[in-house]
Amino acid sequence: MTLDEIKPGQKCSVVDISAEGILGQRMLDMGFMPETIIEVVRNAPLADPIEIYMRGYLLTLRHSEAKAVEVVLV
């Protein structure tokens, strides 16, 4: 399951990041590490962006970026 499939209000844990290159490094810099707990706060009505809460801050991602984050529900 990927982060873009999680519904608002659900929590999940990061399993893996499949992004490579600059995007992969950027995701790691933002704190997407294995076992990080993420809560999806809201999805925009027309798909982009998705707002998440992790590590004490809110973060907004495009759905294309969220597809690179493999997660499991907690």
PDB file of N, CA and C in Angstrom:
ATOM      1  N   MET A   1       0.852  -1.163   0.000  1.00  0.00           N
ATOM      2  CA  MET A   1       0.000   0.000   0.000  1.00  0.00           C
ATOM      3  C   MET A   1       0.903   1.232   0.000  1.00  0.00           C
ATOM      4  N   THR A   2       0.479   2.279  -0.704  1.00  0.00           N
ATOM      5  CA  THR A   2       1.278   3.501  -0.757  1.00  0.00           C
ATOM      6  C   THR A   2       0.562   4.636  -0.032  1.00  0.00           C
ATOM      7  N   LEU A   3       1.297   5.667   0.300  1.00  0.00           N
ATOM      8  CA  LEU A   3       0.779   6.772   1.106  1.00  0.00           C
ATOM      9  C   LEU A   3      -0.409   7.467   0.450  1.00  0.00           C
ATOM     10  N   ASP A   4      -0.454   7.526  -0.863  1.00  0.00           N
ATOM     11  CA  ASP A   4      -1.565   8.212  -1.534  1.00  0.00           C
ATOM     12  C   ASP A   4      -2.890   7.458  -1.399  1.00  0.00           C
ATOM     13  N   GLU A   5      -2.865   6.202  -0.955  1.00  0.00           N
ATOM     14  CA  GLU A   5      -4.073   5.393  -0.788  1.00  0.00           C
ATOM     15  C   GLU A   5      -4.682   5.514   0.619  1.00  0.00           C
ATOM     16  N   ILE A   6      -3.984   6.155   1.534  1.00  0.00           N
ATOM     17  CA  ILE A   6      -4.447   6.273   2.916  1.00  0.00           C
ATOM     18  C   ILE A   6      -5.503   7.375   2.999  1.00  0.00           C
ATOM     19  N   LYS A   7      -6.562   7.108   3.744  1.00  0.00           N
ATOM     20  CA  LYS A   7      -7.675   8.050   3.903  1.00  0.00           C
ATOM     21  C   LYS A   7      -7.388   9.025   5.048  1.00  0.00           C
ATOM     22  N   PRO A   8      -7.968  10.229   4.990  1.00  0.00           N
ATOM     23  CA  PRO A   8      -7.789  11.191   6.083  1.00  0.00           C
ATOM     24  C   PRO A   8      -8.224  10.600   7.424  1.00  0.00           C
ATOM     25  N   GLY A   9      -7.413  10.854   8.453  1.00  0.00           N
ATOM     26  CA  GLY A   9      -7.687  10.341   9.790  1.00  0.00           C
ATOM     27  C   GLY A   9      -6.989   9.023  10.093  1.00  0.00           C
ATOM     28  N   GLN A  10      -6.497   8.324   9.070  1.00  0.00           N
ATOM     29  CA  GLN A  10      -5.806   7.060   9.291  1.00  0.00           C
ATOM     30  C   GLN A  10      -4.324   7.304   9.551  1.00  0.00           C
ATOM     31  N   LYS A  11      -3.732   6.403  10.331  1.00  0.00           N
ATOM     32  CA  LYS A  11      -2.304   6.464  10.613  1.00  0.00           C
ATOM     33  C   LYS A  11      -1.624   5.274   9.959  1.00  0.00           C
ATOM     34  N   CYS A  12      -0.380   5.498   9.543  1.00  0.00           N
ATOM     35  CA  CYS A  12       0.387   4.436   8.900  1.00  0.00           C
ATOM     36  C   CYS A  12       1.851   4.577   9.283  1.00  0.00           C
ATOM     37  N   SER A  13       2.607   3.552   8.964  1.00  0.00           N
ATOM     38  CA  SER A  13       4.037   3.522   9.253  1.00  0.00           C
ATOM     39  C   SER A  13       4.792   3.318   7.947  1.00  0.00           C
ATOM     40  N   VAL A  14       5.872   4.052   7.758  1.00  0.00           N
ATOM     41  CA  VAL A  14       6.668   3.954   6.534  1.00  0.00           C
ATOM     42  C   VAL A  14       7.407   2.615   6.512  1.00  0.00           C
ATOM     43  N   VAL A  15       7.328   1.940   5.377  1.00  0.00           N
ATOM     44  CA  VAL A  15       8.046   0.685   5.168  1.00  0.00           C
ATOM     45  C   VAL A  15       9.257   0.909   4.272  1.00  0.00           C
ATOM     46  N   ASP A  16       9.056   1.647   3.167  1.00  0.00           N
ATOM     47  CA  ASP A  16      10.127   1.837   2.190  1.00  0.00           C
ATOM     48  C   ASP A  16       9.839   3.077   1.349  1.00  0.00           C
ATOM     49  N   ILE A  17      10.891   3.658   0.789  1.00  0.00           N
ATOM     50  CA  ILE A  17      10.785   4.778  -0.142  1.00  0.00           C
ATOM     51  C   ILE A  17      11.307   4.289  -1.482  1.00  0.00           C
ATOM     52  N   SER A  18      10.478   4.365  -2.518  1.00  0.00           N
ATOM     53  CA  SER A  18      10.907   3.882  -3.834  1.00  0.00           C
ATOM     54  C   SER A  18      11.404   4.999  -4.737  1.00  0.00           C
ATOM     55  N   ALA A  19      11.377   6.238  -4.276  1.00  0.00           N
ATOM     56  CA  ALA A  19      11.852   7.372  -5.070  1.00  0.00           C
ATOM     57  C   ALA A  19      13.374   7.321  -5.169  1.00  0.00           C
ATOM     58  N   GLU A  20      13.865   7.732  -6.317  1.00  0.00           N
ATOM     59  CA  GLU A  20      15.313   7.743  -6.537  1.00  0.00           C
ATOM     60  C   GLU A  20      15.785   9.153  -6.860  1.00  0.00           C
ATOM     61  N   GLY A  21      17.072   9.340  -6.848  1.00  0.00           N
ATOM     62  CA  GLY A  21      17.654  10.613  -7.232  1.00  0.00           C
ATOM     63  C   GLY A  21      17.331  11.727  -6.256  1.00  0.00           C
ATOM     64  N   ILE A  22      17.086  12.915  -6.820  1.00  0.00           N
ATOM     65  CA  ILE A  22      16.841  14.096  -5.999  1.00  0.00           C
ATOM     66  C   ILE A  22      15.572  13.946  -5.171  1.00  0.00           C
ATOM     67  N   LEU A  23      14.514  13.382  -5.750  1.00  0.00           N
ATOM     68  CA  LEU A  23      13.270  13.206  -5.002  1.00  0.00           C
ATOM     69  C   LEU A  23      13.477  12.258  -3.827  1.00  0.00           C
ATOM     70  N   GLY A  24      14.198  11.176  -4.030  1.00  0.00           N
ATOM     71  CA  GLY A  24      14.477  10.240  -2.944  1.00  0.00           C
ATOM     72  C   GLY A  24      15.253  10.897  -1.817  1.00  0.00           C
ATOM     73  N   GLN A  25      16.250  11.689  -2.168  1.00  0.00           N
ATOM     74  CA  GLN A  25      17.043  12.386  -1.153  1.00  0.00           C
ATOM     75  C   GLN A  25      16.199  13.412  -0.422  1.00  0.00           C
ATOM     76  N   ARG A  26      15.345  14.117  -1.160  1.00  0.00           N
ATOM     77  CA  ARG A  26      14.459  15.115  -0.550  1.00  0.00           C
ATOM     78  C   ARG A  26      13.503  14.460   0.441  1.00  0.00           C
ATOM     79  N   MET A  27      12.965  13.301   0.082  1.00  0.00           N
ATOM     80  CA  MET A  27      12.049  12.583   0.978  1.00  0.00           C
ATOM     81  C   MET A  27      12.772  12.170   2.263  1.00  0.00           C
ATOM     82  N   LEU A  28      13.992  11.687   2.144  1.00  0.00           N
ATOM     83  CA  LEU A  28      14.776  11.323   3.328  1.00  0.00           C
ATOM     84  C   LEU A  28      15.057  12.550   4.192  1.00  0.00           C
ATOM     85  N   ASP A  29      15.390  13.668   3.550  1.00  0.00           N
ATOM     86  CA  ASP A  29      15.657  14.908   4.286  1.00  0.00           C
ATOM     87  C   ASP A  29      14.425  15.398   5.040  1.00  0.00           C
ATOM     88  N   MET A  30      13.225  15.145   4.501  1.00  0.00           N
ATOM     89  CA  MET A  30      11.990  15.566   5.159  1.00  0.00           C
ATOM     90  C   MET A  30      11.608  14.637   6.308  1.00  0.00           C
ATOM     91  N   GLY A  31      12.273  13.491   6.442  1.00  0.00           N
ATOM     92  CA  GLY A  31      12.018  12.611   7.569  1.00  0.00           C
ATOM     93  C   GLY A  31      11.302  11.312   7.248  1.00  0.00           C
ATOM     94  N   PHE A  32      11.174  10.963   5.984  1.00  0.00           N
ATOM     95  CA  PHE A  32      10.535   9.705   5.604  1.00  0.00           C
ATOM     96  C   PHE A  32      11.523   8.556   5.798  1.00  0.00           C
ATOM     97  N   MET A  33      11.590   8.062   7.028  1.00  0.00           N
ATOM     98  CA  MET A  33      12.458   6.943   7.382  1.00  0.00           C
ATOM     99  C   MET A  33      11.580   5.745   7.734  1.00  0.00           C
ATOM    100  N   PRO A  34      12.097   4.532   7.585  1.00  0.00           N
ATOM    101  CA  PRO A  34      11.311   3.361   7.992  1.00  0.00           C
ATOM    102  C   PRO A  34      10.837   3.481   9.436  1.00  0.00           C
ATOM    103  N   GLU A  35       9.606   3.036   9.672  1.00  0.00           N
ATOM    104  CA  GLU A  35       8.932   3.029  10.969  1.00  0.00           C
ATOM    105  C   GLU A  35       8.465   4.406  11.438  1.00  0.00           C
ATOM    106  N   THR A  36       8.575   5.440  10.592  1.00  0.00           N
ATOM    107  CA  THR A  36       8.032   6.753  10.938  1.00  0.00           C
ATOM    108  C   THR A  36       6.509   6.683  10.858  1.00  0.00           C
ATOM    109  N   ILE A  37       5.835   7.186  11.883  1.00  0.00           N
ATOM    110  CA  ILE A  37       4.371   7.186  11.914  1.00  0.00           C
ATOM    111  C   ILE A  37       3.861   8.449  11.217  1.00  0.00           C
ATOM    112  N   ILE A  38       2.908   8.254  10.308  1.00  0.00           N
ATOM    113  CA  ILE A  38       2.323   9.343   9.530  1.00  0.00           C
ATOM    114  C   ILE A  38       0.811   9.309   9.695  1.00  0.00           C
ATOM    115  N   GLU A  39       0.212  10.473   9.867  1.00  0.00           N
ATOM    116  CA  GLU A  39      -1.249  10.586   9.878  1.00  0.00           C
ATOM    117  C   GLU A  39      -1.666  11.466   8.706  1.00  0.00           C
ATOM    118  N   VAL A  40      -2.582  10.979   7.894  1.00  0.00           N
ATOM    119  CA  VAL A  40      -3.101  11.778   6.786  1.00  0.00           C
ATOM    120  C   VAL A  40      -4.149  12.725   7.364  1.00  0.00           C
ATOM    121  N   VAL A  41      -3.931  14.016   7.173  1.00  0.00           N
ATOM    122  CA  VAL A  41      -4.824  15.035   7.717  1.00  0.00           C
ATOM    123  C   VAL A  41      -5.963  15.307   6.738  1.00  0.00           C
ATOM    124  N   ARG A  42      -5.625  15.540   5.470  1.00  0.00           N
ATOM    125  CA  ARG A  42      -6.661  15.790   4.472  1.00  0.00           C
ATOM    126  C   ARG A  42      -6.125  15.621   3.057  1.00  0.00           C
ATOM    127  N   ASN A  43      -7.051  15.376   2.142  1.00  0.00           N
ATOM    128  CA  ASN A  43      -6.762  15.328   0.717  1.00  0.00           C
ATOM    129  C   ASN A  43      -7.507  16.478   0.063  1.00  0.00           C
ATOM    130  N   ALA A  44      -6.888  17.119  -0.901  1.00  0.00           N
ATOM    131  CA  ALA A  44      -7.579  18.183  -1.630  1.00  0.00           C
ATOM    132  C   ALA A  44      -8.701  17.577  -2.463  1.00  0.00           C
ATOM    133  N   PRO A  45      -9.774  18.320  -2.707  1.00  0.00           N
ATOM    134  CA  PRO A  45     -10.922  17.779  -3.440  1.00  0.00           C
ATOM    135  C   PRO A  45     -10.593  17.306  -4.857  1.00  0.00           C
ATOM    136  N   LEU A  46      -9.654  17.929  -5.513  1.00  0.00           N
ATOM    137  CA  LEU A  46      -9.314  17.543  -6.885  1.00  0.00           C
ATOM    138  C   LEU A  46      -7.996  16.774  -6.946  1.00  0.00           C
ATOM    139  N   ALA A  47      -7.740  15.969  -5.955  1.00  0.00           N
ATOM    140  CA  ALA A  47      -6.608  15.041  -5.902  1.00  0.00           C
ATOM    141  C   ALA A  47      -5.333  15.617  -5.288  1.00  0.00           C
ATOM    142  N   ASP A  48      -4.802  16.711  -5.777  1.00  0.00           N
ATOM    143  CA  ASP A  48      -3.547  17.225  -5.231  1.00  0.00           C
ATOM    144  C   ASP A  48      -3.801  18.467  -4.407  1.00  0.00           C
ATOM    145  N   PRO A  49      -3.097  18.690  -3.339  1.00  0.00           N
ATOM    146  CA  PRO A  49      -2.105  17.858  -2.660  1.00  0.00           C
ATOM    147  C   PRO A  49      -2.727  17.026  -1.535  1.00  0.00           C
ATOM    148  N   ILE A  50      -1.867  16.299  -0.843  1.00  0.00           N
ATOM    149  CA  ILE A  50      -2.254  15.532   0.334  1.00  0.00           C
ATOM    150  C   ILE A  50      -1.488  16.145   1.515  1.00  0.00           C
ATOM    151  N   GLU A  51      -2.163  16.379   2.629  1.00  0.00           N
ATOM    152  CA  GLU A  51      -1.528  16.961   3.807  1.00  0.00           C
ATOM    153  C   GLU A  51      -1.354  15.870   4.861  1.00  0.00           C
ATOM    154  N   ILE A  52      -0.152  15.749   5.391  1.00  0.00           N
ATOM    155  CA  ILE A  52       0.145  14.725   6.386  1.00  0.00           C
ATOM    156  C   ILE A  52       0.778  15.360   7.615  1.00  0.00           C
ATOM    157  N   TYR A  53       0.694  14.639   8.743  1.00  0.00           N
ATOM    158  CA  TYR A  53       1.326  15.049   9.989  1.00  0.00           C
ATOM    159  C   TYR A  53       2.321  13.972  10.376  1.00  0.00           C
ATOM    160  N   MET A  54       3.585  14.358  10.520  1.00  0.00           N
ATOM    161  CA  MET A  54       4.614  13.411  10.960  1.00  0.00           C
ATOM    162  C   MET A  54       5.731  14.162  11.660  1.00  0.00           C
ATOM    163  N   ARG A  55       6.324  13.501  12.631  1.00  0.00           N
ATOM    164  CA  ARG A  55       7.466  14.058  13.362  1.00  0.00           C
ATOM    165  C   ARG A  55       7.220  15.464  13.910  1.00  0.00           C
ATOM    166  N   GLY A  56       5.957  15.772  14.251  1.00  0.00           N
ATOM    167  CA  GLY A  56       5.645  17.046  14.875  1.00  0.00           C
ATOM    168  C   GLY A  56       5.379  18.203  13.929  1.00  0.00           C
ATOM    169  N   TYR A  57       5.265  17.955  12.631  1.00  0.00           N
ATOM    170  CA  TYR A  57       4.957  19.043  11.710  1.00  0.00           C
ATOM    171  C   TYR A  57       4.037  18.573  10.590  1.00  0.00           C
ATOM    172  N   LEU A  58       3.364  19.543   9.962  1.00  0.00           N
ATOM    173  CA  LEU A  58       2.501  19.265   8.822  1.00  0.00           C
ATOM    174  C   LEU A  58       3.308  19.380   7.540  1.00  0.00           C
ATOM    175  N   LEU A  59       3.017  18.514   6.597  1.00  0.00           N
ATOM    176  CA  LEU A  59       3.742  18.470   5.327  1.00  0.00           C
ATOM    177  C   LEU A  59       2.737  18.252   4.215  1.00  0.00           C
ATOM    178  N   THR A  60       2.922  18.929   3.105  1.00  0.00           N
ATOM    179  CA  THR A  60       2.049  18.775   1.955  1.00  0.00           C
ATOM    180  C   THR A  60       2.832  18.152   0.817  1.00  0.00           C
ATOM    181  N   LEU A  61       2.259  17.092   0.220  1.00  0.00           N
ATOM    182  CA  LEU A  61       2.897  16.370  -0.878  1.00  0.00           C
ATOM    183  C   LEU A  61       1.946  16.240  -2.060  1.00  0.00           C
ATOM    184  N   ARG A  62       2.520  16.116  -3.243  1.00  0.00           N
ATOM    185  CA  ARG A  62       1.735  15.750  -4.413  1.00  0.00           C
ATOM    186  C   ARG A  62       1.429  14.256  -4.328  1.00  0.00           C
ATOM    187  N   HIS A  63       0.353  13.834  -4.956  1.00  0.00           N
ATOM    188  CA  HIS A  63       0.028  12.407  -4.967  1.00  0.00           C
ATOM    189  C   HIS A  63       1.123  11.609  -5.671  1.00  0.00           C
ATOM    190  N   SER A  64       1.743  12.175  -6.690  1.00  0.00           N
ATOM    191  CA  SER A  64       2.826  11.469  -7.384  1.00  0.00           C
ATOM    192  C   SER A  64       4.008  11.216  -6.448  1.00  0.00           C
ATOM    193  N   GLU A  65       4.257  12.132  -5.519  1.00  0.00           N
ATOM    194  CA  GLU A  65       5.324  11.932  -4.531  1.00  0.00           C
ATOM    195  C   GLU A  65       4.890  10.922  -3.477  1.00  0.00           C
ATOM    196  N   ALA A  66       3.625  10.984  -3.059  1.00  0.00           N
ATOM    197  CA  ALA A  66       3.115  10.061  -2.044  1.00  0.00           C
ATOM    198  C   ALA A  66       3.094   8.616  -2.539  1.00  0.00           C
ATOM    199  N   LYS A  67       2.997   8.418  -3.853  1.00  0.00           N
ATOM    200  CA  LYS A  67       3.016   7.062  -4.407  1.00  0.00           C
ATOM    201  C   LYS A  67       4.370   6.376  -4.215  1.00  0.00           C
ATOM    202  N   ALA A  68       5.411   7.151  -3.950  1.00  0.00           N
ATOM    203  CA  ALA A  68       6.760   6.610  -3.776  1.00  0.00           C
ATOM    204  C   ALA A  68       7.002   6.129  -2.350  1.00  0.00           C
ATOM    205  N   VAL A  69       6.015   6.323  -1.445  1.00  0.00           N
ATOM    206  CA  VAL A  69       6.175   5.944  -0.047  1.00  0.00           C
ATOM    207  C   VAL A  69       5.311   4.713   0.248  1.00  0.00           C
ATOM    208  N   GLU A  70       5.957   3.580   0.496  1.00  0.00           N
ATOM    209  CA  GLU A  70       5.229   2.354   0.842  1.00  0.00           C
ATOM    210  C   GLU A  70       4.974   2.349   2.339  1.00  0.00           C
ATOM    211  N   VAL A  71       3.720   2.082   2.720  1.00  0.00           N
ATOM    212  CA  VAL A  71       3.312   2.147   4.135  1.00  0.00           C
ATOM    213  C   VAL A  71       2.441   0.959   4.510  1.00  0.00           C
ATOM    214  N   VAL A  72       2.269   0.775   5.834  1.00  0.00           N
ATOM    215  CA  VAL A  72       1.302  -0.181   6.381  1.00  0.00           C
ATOM    216  C   VAL A  72       0.472   0.575   7.420  1.00  0.00           C
ATOM    217  N   LEU A  73      -0.791   0.225   7.518  1.00  0.00           N
ATOM    218  CA  LEU A  73      -1.667   0.860   8.504  1.00  0.00           C
ATOM    219  C   LEU A  73      -1.283   0.429   9.919  1.00  0.00           C
ATOM    220  N   VAL A  74      -1.425   1.359  10.858  1.00  0.00           N
ATOM    221  CA  VAL A  74      -1.168   1.027  12.271  1.00  0.00           C
ATOM    222  C   VAL A  74      -2.431   1.234  13.067  1.00  0.00           C
TER     223      VAL A  74
END
